[in-house]
Amino acid sequence: MDSASSAGARQFEVEGALEDIFDFFDLCYEKGWTDGLPVYPPTTRAVKSALRFTDRKPDDVVAVLAPRNGAATVEKIAINAVMAGCRPEYLPVLIAAVEAVARPEYNLYGRQTTTHPGAHLLIVNGPIRKELDVNCRQNVFGDGWRANATMGRALRLILINIGGNKPGVTDMATHGHPGKYSYCIGEDEEGSPWSPLHVDRGLSRDTSAVTMLCAEPPHNVNDQVSKTPQMYLGSAASTMATLGGNGLYRSGLRGEQGLVVTAESAHWLAEFGWSKNDVKMFLFEKARKPVRELRGRGGWGKSPLPKFVDAEDDDALVPIVGHPENLLVLVAGGHQRHMNALLTAGYSRSITRAIAFKDGTPVRSTKDFLR
């Protein structure tokens, strides 16, 4: 791929590189074009196959990606998708994801260069989940699904090769986390008693969409015993309101925090009459710590607290977000009543984008591009 100053992608001819996949991998590793794992050769044929699944021109610039300010053309996105092992029809998802991370509210520059261990979680909603076989249930954050593994990885390669995300050079994450290789899930809309995330964001249920959320690794909340929603969600609130978490110290900003519950848990809560908004309100009220425990540690004094919190009052309770709407509640995962907390840096916003044609019309199917 070419430098950030040029939108076009260059072609390289390397004698013998394609005869031995390890030679090709060595070349990519030396050039800094990989995440450290082997990649597929982005041959002209493979890239052209992916480009069939868009109505944009190969040199159309989808976004400019920080910190390198690299031009993410459709062709370059397709190249990285091939390198990650994506099927050609995954390309529209990645174009929407690139559009999302480039929005100012997402703060890509900050997320690419921070010491915080955030990774870019790609959440897929809508009918396209079924068409592309995106995992929404058992082992949803884990291995075993090509769509999840390769789309998440392709986005990371895009942010490396186009955005210039280089560990220890521009990426200053103190520890990072494994989601920086790949971080992609689908929401279990069929198993949920509530509206899915993209509908909450104003899209129709039959629209396919992606949401990008920069988050720490999922933190399991194990509660198989609680008999009431208050006790059950109280376990989640305790996990989310940790003294070392950014949320408590940056809740005066517009950042978000997330919780993933299984369909089993969601239906159990709904049977008690709890809506998704009820869950958010409970977490907003209960995921808190008193000022006395926060003062003088963590990120105290580095960011404003919500206006309704008196920082001079030791007994004042500080929430993990400034408003209940800043809590994301997703339904995904397999059996039993595990939950997973998705904690964030507390100062960036998730972005939802419809998977669409160039003119913004949502696609019904990736096959629409082949007609």
Protein backbone atom coordinates (compact mmCIF):
# COMPACT_ATOMS: atom_id res chain seq x y z
CA MET A 1 0.00 0.00 0.00
CA ASP A 2 1.13 3.50 -0.82
CA SER A 3 1.98 6.35 1.51
CA ALA A 4 -0.62 8.48 3.27
CA SER A 5 -0.16 11.31 0.78
CA SER A 6 -1.57 9.28 -2.10
CA ALA A 7 -5.03 7.76 -2.36
CA GLY A 8 -4.03 5.04 -4.81
CA ALA A 9 -2.65 1.64 -3.90
CA ARG A 10 0.58 0.43 -5.51
CA GLN A 11 1.20 -3.05 -6.85
CA PHE A 12 4.31 -5.01 -5.95
CA GLU A 13 5.80 -7.90 -7.88
CA VAL A 14 7.90 -10.13 -5.67
CA GLU A 15 9.60 -13.09 -7.25
CA GLY A 16 8.79 -16.31 -5.48
CA ALA A 17 6.78 -14.63 -2.72
CA LEU A 18 3.56 -16.35 -3.65
CA GLU A 19 5.22 -19.73 -4.03
CA ASP A 20 5.94 -19.87 -0.32
CA ILE A 21 3.35 -18.29 1.99
CA PHE A 22 5.98 -17.89 4.69
CA ASP A 23 8.14 -15.81 2.37
CA PHE A 24 5.16 -13.58 1.73
CA PHE A 25 4.45 -13.29 5.45
CA ASP A 26 8.09 -12.42 6.12
CA LEU A 27 7.88 -9.67 3.51
CA CYS A 28 4.73 -8.21 5.09
CA TYR A 29 6.21 -8.41 8.57
CA GLU A 30 9.37 -6.62 7.47
CA LYS A 31 7.31 -3.89 5.78
CA GLY A 32 5.08 -3.47 8.84
CA TRP A 33 1.94 -4.53 6.95
CA THR A 34 0.72 -7.14 9.42
CA ASP A 35 -0.58 -7.42 12.96
CA GLY A 36 2.07 -10.06 13.67
CA LEU A 37 0.03 -12.95 12.30
CA PRO A 38 0.28 -14.41 8.78
CA VAL A 39 -1.77 -12.65 6.11
CA TYR A 40 -3.21 -13.69 2.77
CA PRO A 41 -1.66 -12.28 -0.42
CA PRO A 42 -3.94 -9.46 -1.71
CA THR A 43 -3.72 -10.53 -5.34
CA THR A 44 -5.34 -8.45 -8.07
CA ARG A 45 -7.91 -11.18 -8.61
CA ALA A 46 -8.83 -11.41 -4.93
CA VAL A 47 -9.15 -7.64 -4.51
CA LYS A 48 -11.29 -7.32 -7.65
CA SER A 49 -13.57 -10.04 -6.29
CA ALA A 50 -14.13 -7.99 -3.12
CA LEU A 51 -14.69 -4.78 -5.10
CA ARG A 52 -17.76 -6.36 -6.75
CA PHE A 53 -19.54 -5.82 -3.43
CA THR A 54 -19.63 -2.03 -3.58
CA ASP A 55 -20.98 0.60 -5.95
CA ARG A 56 -18.09 2.92 -5.17
CA LYS A 57 -15.04 3.42 -7.34
CA PRO A 58 -11.80 1.79 -6.14
CA ASP A 59 -10.14 5.18 -5.58
CA ASP A 60 -13.09 6.71 -3.72
CA VAL A 61 -11.88 7.90 -0.31
CA VAL A 62 -14.17 6.55 2.39
CA ALA A 63 -12.38 8.38 5.23
CA VAL A 64 -9.06 9.81 6.36
CA LEU A 65 -7.69 7.78 9.27
CA ALA A 66 -5.59 9.11 12.16
CA PRO A 67 -2.89 9.40 13.28
CA ARG A 68 -1.18 9.06 9.91
CA ASN A 69 -4.06 10.78 8.09
CA GLY A 70 -4.05 7.97 5.57
CA ALA A 71 -6.64 7.97 2.80
CA ALA A 72 -8.83 4.89 3.26
CA THR A 73 -9.89 4.25 -0.32
CA VAL A 74 -12.31 1.49 -1.18
CA GLU A 75 -9.46 -0.41 -2.83
CA LYS A 76 -7.21 -0.17 0.22
CA ILE A 77 -10.04 -1.36 2.46
CA ALA A 78 -10.52 -4.32 0.11
CA ILE A 79 -6.79 -5.09 0.16
CA ASN A 80 -6.75 -5.29 3.93
CA ALA A 81 -9.93 -7.37 3.93
CA VAL A 82 -8.26 -9.92 1.66
CA MET A 83 -5.13 -9.93 3.83
CA ALA A 84 -7.27 -10.66 6.90
CA GLY A 85 -9.00 -13.60 5.22
CA CYS A 86 -12.39 -11.97 4.67
CA ARG A 87 -14.86 -13.29 2.17
CA PRO A 88 -15.53 -10.74 -0.62
CA GLU A 89 -19.05 -10.00 0.61
CA TYR A 90 -17.75 -8.68 3.93
CA LEU A 91 -16.53 -5.49 2.23
CA PRO A 92 -19.71 -3.39 2.77
CA VAL A 93 -19.50 -4.04 6.52
CA LEU A 94 -15.91 -2.80 6.61
CA ILE A 95 -16.71 0.32 4.59
CA ALA A 96 -19.41 1.22 7.13
CA ALA A 97 -17.02 0.50 10.01
CA VAL A 98 -14.35 2.77 8.52
CA GLU A 99 -16.94 5.54 8.11
CA ALA A 100 -17.89 5.10 11.77
CA VAL A 101 -14.41 5.24 13.33
CA ALA A 102 -13.60 8.37 11.33
CA ARG A 103 -16.43 10.38 12.91
CA PRO A 104 -15.12 13.15 15.22
CA GLU A 105 -17.14 11.88 18.19
CA TYR A 106 -15.31 8.57 18.04
CA ASN A 107 -11.99 10.38 18.59
CA LEU A 108 -9.92 8.01 16.49
CA TYR A 109 -6.69 9.94 17.02
CA GLY A 110 -7.05 9.60 20.78
CA ARG A 111 -8.05 5.95 20.55
CA GLN A 112 -5.15 5.10 18.22
CA THR A 113 -2.46 6.79 20.32
CA THR A 114 -3.65 6.35 23.91
CA THR A 115 -1.99 4.38 26.71
CA HIS A 116 -5.46 2.97 27.50
CA PRO A 117 -6.02 -0.70 26.46
CA GLY A 118 -8.94 0.03 24.17
CA ALA A 119 -9.72 -1.97 21.03
CA HIS A 120 -12.22 -1.24 18.28
CA LEU A 121 -15.28 -3.45 18.84
CA LEU A 122 -17.32 -3.94 15.66
CA ILE A 123 -20.96 -4.74 16.50
CA VAL A 124 -23.15 -6.00 13.64
CA ASN A 125 -26.94 -5.57 13.58
CA GLY A 126 -29.70 -6.29 11.14
CA PRO A 127 -30.44 -9.03 8.57
CA ILE A 128 -26.88 -9.08 7.22
CA ARG A 129 -25.81 -10.97 10.37
CA LYS A 130 -27.58 -14.07 9.09
CA GLU A 131 -26.41 -13.66 5.52
CA LEU A 132 -22.75 -13.40 6.54
CA ASP A 133 -23.03 -15.94 9.41
CA VAL A 134 -21.96 -13.49 12.11
CA ASN A 135 -21.86 -15.16 15.52
CA CYS A 136 -24.28 -13.62 18.02
CA ARG A 137 -24.55 -16.40 20.57
CA GLN A 138 -22.33 -19.10 22.07
CA ASN A 139 -18.70 -17.94 22.53
CA VAL A 140 -19.63 -14.64 20.88
CA PHE A 141 -16.39 -12.90 21.91
CA GLY A 142 -14.33 -15.99 21.15
CA ASP A 143 -13.05 -18.05 18.27
CA GLY A 144 -14.76 -20.20 15.68
CA TRP A 145 -16.53 -17.84 13.27
CA ARG A 146 -14.85 -16.62 10.10
CA ALA A 147 -17.01 -13.50 9.78
CA ASN A 148 -16.32 -12.28 13.31
CA ALA A 149 -12.64 -13.16 13.27
CA THR A 150 -11.75 -11.78 9.86
CA MET A 151 -13.88 -8.63 9.83
CA GLY A 152 -12.54 -7.60 13.23
CA ARG A 153 -9.02 -8.36 12.07
CA ALA A 154 -9.48 -6.52 8.76
CA LEU A 155 -10.45 -3.36 10.61
CA ARG A 156 -7.29 -3.63 12.72
CA LEU A 157 -5.15 -4.07 9.59
CA ILE A 158 -6.84 -1.03 8.05
CA LEU A 159 -5.96 1.02 11.12
CA ILE A 160 -2.37 -0.25 10.97
CA ASN A 161 -1.70 0.01 7.26
CA ILE A 162 -3.75 3.11 6.46
CA GLY A 163 -4.13 4.82 9.83
CA GLY A 164 -0.52 4.25 10.85
CA ASN A 165 -1.21 2.47 14.13
CA LYS A 166 2.22 1.11 15.13
CA PRO A 167 2.84 -0.33 18.61
CA GLY A 168 5.41 1.69 20.52
CA VAL A 169 5.55 4.34 17.78
CA THR A 170 2.05 5.80 17.48
CA ASP A 171 0.12 3.18 19.47
CA MET A 172 1.23 3.85 23.03
CA ALA A 173 -1.04 1.33 24.78
CA THR A 174 0.61 0.33 28.04
CA HIS A 175 -0.71 -3.23 27.85
CA GLY A 176 -3.31 -3.45 25.08
CA HIS A 177 -5.54 -6.52 24.95
CA PRO A 178 -6.20 -9.46 22.61
CA GLY A 179 -9.17 -7.69 21.03
CA LYS A 180 -6.61 -5.59 19.18
CA TYR A 181 -6.15 -8.60 16.90
CA SER A 182 -9.88 -8.92 16.26
CA TYR A 183 -12.96 -7.66 18.12
CA CYS A 184 -16.30 -8.30 16.42
CA ILE A 185 -19.70 -9.59 17.54
CA GLY A 186 -23.28 -9.65 16.35
CA GLU A 187 -26.26 -8.79 18.53
CA ASP A 188 -28.71 -11.62 19.23
CA GLU A 189 -31.76 -9.75 18.00
CA GLU A 190 -33.88 -12.89 17.60
CA GLY A 191 -33.24 -13.87 21.20
CA SER A 192 -33.88 -10.44 22.69
CA PRO A 193 -37.16 -9.20 24.17
CA TRP A 194 -35.99 -5.62 23.55
CA SER A 195 -35.21 -3.47 20.56
CA PRO A 196 -31.68 -3.97 19.15
CA LEU A 197 -28.94 -1.36 19.30
CA HIS A 198 -29.35 0.00 15.77
CA VAL A 199 -33.08 0.52 16.32
CA ASP A 200 -32.30 2.39 19.53
CA ARG A 201 -30.07 4.58 17.35
CA GLY A 202 -32.94 5.47 15.00
CA LEU A 203 -32.60 2.88 12.22
CA SER A 204 -35.31 0.47 11.13
CA ARG A 205 -35.13 -3.14 12.25
CA ASP A 206 -34.69 -4.37 8.67
CA THR A 207 -31.68 -2.08 8.13
CA SER A 208 -28.26 -3.70 8.55
CA ALA A 209 -25.74 -1.62 10.48
CA VAL A 210 -22.47 -1.56 12.34
CA THR A 211 -21.65 0.15 15.61
CA MET A 212 -18.07 0.89 16.58
CA LEU A 213 -17.25 1.05 20.29
CA CYS A 214 -13.70 1.38 21.59
CA ALA A 215 -13.64 -0.84 24.67
CA GLU A 216 -11.49 -2.76 27.08
CA PRO A 217 -11.70 -6.58 27.03
CA PRO A 218 -15.07 -7.94 28.16
CA HIS A 219 -15.13 -8.53 31.91
CA ASN A 220 -17.30 -11.48 32.94
CA VAL A 221 -19.99 -11.01 35.59
CA ASN A 222 -21.07 -14.38 36.96
CA ASP A 223 -24.38 -14.40 38.81
CA GLN A 224 -26.32 -17.65 38.58
CA VAL A 225 -27.99 -17.29 41.99
CA SER A 226 -29.76 -13.92 42.30
CA LYS A 227 -33.52 -14.20 42.38
CA THR A 228 -34.39 -10.56 41.65
CA PRO A 229 -33.36 -8.12 38.91
CA GLN A 230 -32.04 -5.76 41.59
CA MET A 231 -29.63 -8.32 42.98
CA TYR A 232 -28.65 -9.62 39.56
CA LEU A 233 -27.94 -6.22 38.03
CA GLY A 234 -26.37 -5.16 41.30
CA SER A 235 -23.60 -7.65 40.52
CA ALA A 236 -23.09 -5.94 37.17
CA ALA A 237 -23.13 -2.49 38.75
CA SER A 238 -20.45 -3.52 41.24
CA THR A 239 -18.23 -4.88 38.46
CA MET A 240 -18.65 -1.77 36.31
CA ALA A 241 -17.96 0.73 39.11
CA THR A 242 -14.35 -0.22 39.79
CA LEU A 243 -11.89 2.18 41.40
CA GLY A 244 -9.43 1.63 38.58
CA GLY A 245 -11.97 2.19 35.82
CA ASN A 246 -12.03 5.40 33.81
CA GLY A 247 -15.80 5.83 33.98
CA LEU A 248 -15.97 7.08 37.55
CA TYR A 249 -13.32 9.73 36.95
CA ARG A 250 -14.59 10.87 33.55
CA SER A 251 -18.35 10.66 33.98
CA GLY A 252 -18.60 14.41 33.46
CA LEU A 253 -17.59 13.82 29.86
CA ARG A 254 -19.83 12.25 27.19
CA GLY A 255 -18.29 8.78 27.27
CA GLU A 256 -20.18 5.51 27.40
CA GLN A 257 -19.98 2.17 29.19
CA GLY A 258 -21.56 -1.09 28.09
CA LEU A 259 -23.10 -4.29 29.39
CA VAL A 260 -23.75 -7.46 27.38
CA VAL A 261 -26.42 -9.83 28.68
CA THR A 262 -27.56 -13.15 27.26
CA ALA A 263 -31.01 -13.75 25.78
CA GLU A 264 -31.76 -15.94 28.79
CA SER A 265 -31.00 -13.08 31.15
CA ALA A 266 -32.83 -10.51 29.04
CA HIS A 267 -36.02 -12.59 28.97
CA TRP A 268 -35.76 -13.28 32.69
CA LEU A 269 -35.53 -9.54 33.34
CA ALA A 270 -38.39 -8.84 30.94
CA GLU A 271 -40.58 -11.36 32.79
CA PHE A 272 -40.19 -9.10 35.84
CA GLY A 273 -41.38 -6.21 33.66
CA TRP A 274 -37.98 -4.64 33.14
CA SER A 275 -37.33 -2.76 29.90
CA LYS A 276 -33.91 -1.96 28.52
CA ASN A 277 -34.33 1.59 29.80
CA ASP A 278 -35.09 0.21 33.26
CA VAL A 279 -31.79 -1.68 33.14
CA LYS A 280 -29.93 1.46 32.11
CA MET A 281 -31.54 3.55 34.84
CA PHE A 282 -30.72 0.95 37.50
CA LEU A 283 -27.08 0.75 36.42
CA PHE A 284 -26.88 4.54 36.30
CA GLU A 285 -28.12 4.79 39.87
CA LYS A 286 -26.22 1.83 41.34
CA ALA A 287 -22.89 1.75 39.48
CA ARG A 288 -21.41 4.48 41.68
CA LYS A 289 -18.73 5.15 44.26
CA PRO A 290 -18.57 7.85 46.96
CA VAL A 291 -16.20 10.75 46.49
CA ARG A 292 -14.21 9.71 49.56
CA GLU A 293 -13.12 6.51 47.79
CA LEU A 294 -12.20 8.27 44.56
CA ARG A 295 -10.36 11.32 45.84
CA GLY A 296 -6.59 11.16 45.54
CA ARG A 297 -6.40 8.07 43.35
CA GLY A 298 -7.04 6.89 39.80
CA GLY A 299 -7.89 9.77 37.49
CA TRP A 300 -9.10 12.10 40.22
CA GLY A 301 -9.02 15.76 39.20
CA LYS A 302 -8.07 15.14 35.57
CA SER A 303 -11.61 15.42 34.16
CA PRO A 304 -14.81 17.13 35.32
CA LEU A 305 -17.40 15.25 37.30
CA PRO A 306 -21.10 15.58 36.42
CA LYS A 307 -22.57 18.92 37.52
CA PHE A 308 -24.94 17.16 39.92
CA VAL A 309 -22.01 15.72 41.92
CA ASP A 310 -20.48 17.86 44.68
CA ALA A 311 -16.78 17.00 44.61
CA GLU A 312 -16.36 18.50 48.10
CA ASP A 313 -18.93 16.15 49.64
CA ASP A 314 -17.31 12.87 50.73
CA ASP A 315 -20.68 11.12 50.64
CA ALA A 316 -21.63 12.25 47.14
CA LEU A 317 -21.99 9.29 44.79
CA VAL A 318 -20.22 9.46 41.42
CA PRO A 319 -21.74 7.49 38.51
CA ILE A 320 -19.80 5.75 35.75
CA VAL A 321 -21.57 7.83 33.07
CA GLY A 322 -23.19 11.25 33.10
CA HIS A 323 -26.58 10.07 31.86
CA PRO A 324 -28.45 6.75 31.59
CA GLU A 325 -28.49 7.06 27.79
CA ASN A 326 -24.69 6.75 27.86
CA LEU A 327 -25.03 3.12 28.90
CA LEU A 328 -25.15 0.55 26.09
CA VAL A 329 -27.07 -2.64 26.81
CA LEU A 330 -26.62 -5.42 24.25
CA VAL A 331 -28.05 -8.93 24.02
CA ALA A 332 -25.51 -11.51 22.87
CA GLY A 333 -23.92 -14.75 24.03
CA GLY A 334 -24.96 -18.30 24.76
CA HIS A 335 -26.53 -20.20 27.63
CA GLN A 336 -26.84 -19.24 31.31
CA ARG A 337 -26.93 -15.88 33.02
CA HIS A 338 -23.41 -14.60 32.53
CA MET A 339 -22.98 -10.92 31.72
CA ASN A 340 -20.00 -9.06 30.33
CA ALA A 341 -19.03 -5.49 31.18
CA LEU A 342 -17.59 -3.43 28.32
CA LEU A 343 -15.69 -0.63 29.99
CA THR A 344 -14.21 2.25 28.01
CA ALA A 345 -11.80 5.15 28.36
CA GLY A 346 -14.81 7.32 29.17
CA TYR A 347 -14.23 10.11 26.67
CA SER A 348 -15.23 8.84 23.22
CA ARG A 349 -18.59 7.98 21.69
CA SER A 350 -19.72 4.90 19.83
CA ILE A 351 -20.92 5.45 16.28
CA THR A 352 -23.61 3.55 14.36
CA ARG A 353 -23.67 3.50 10.55
CA ALA A 354 -26.06 1.79 8.17
CA ILE A 355 -24.48 -0.63 5.69
CA ALA A 356 -25.41 1.22 2.56
CA PHE A 357 -24.84 2.13 -1.05
CA LYS A 358 -22.71 5.16 -1.82
CA ASP A 359 -25.81 7.41 -1.88
CA GLY A 360 -26.72 6.31 1.66
CA THR A 361 -29.54 3.93 0.75
CA PRO A 362 -29.34 0.91 3.08
CA VAL A 363 -28.63 -2.40 1.37
CA ARG A 364 -31.07 -5.27 1.77
CA SER A 365 -28.38 -7.84 0.99
CA THR A 366 -24.77 -7.80 -0.12
CA LYS A 367 -26.04 -9.48 -3.29
CA ASP A 368 -27.65 -6.16 -4.21
CA PHE A 369 -24.22 -5.04 -5.40
CA LEU A 370 -24.07 -7.85 -7.96
CA ARG A 371 -27.19 -6.85 -9.86
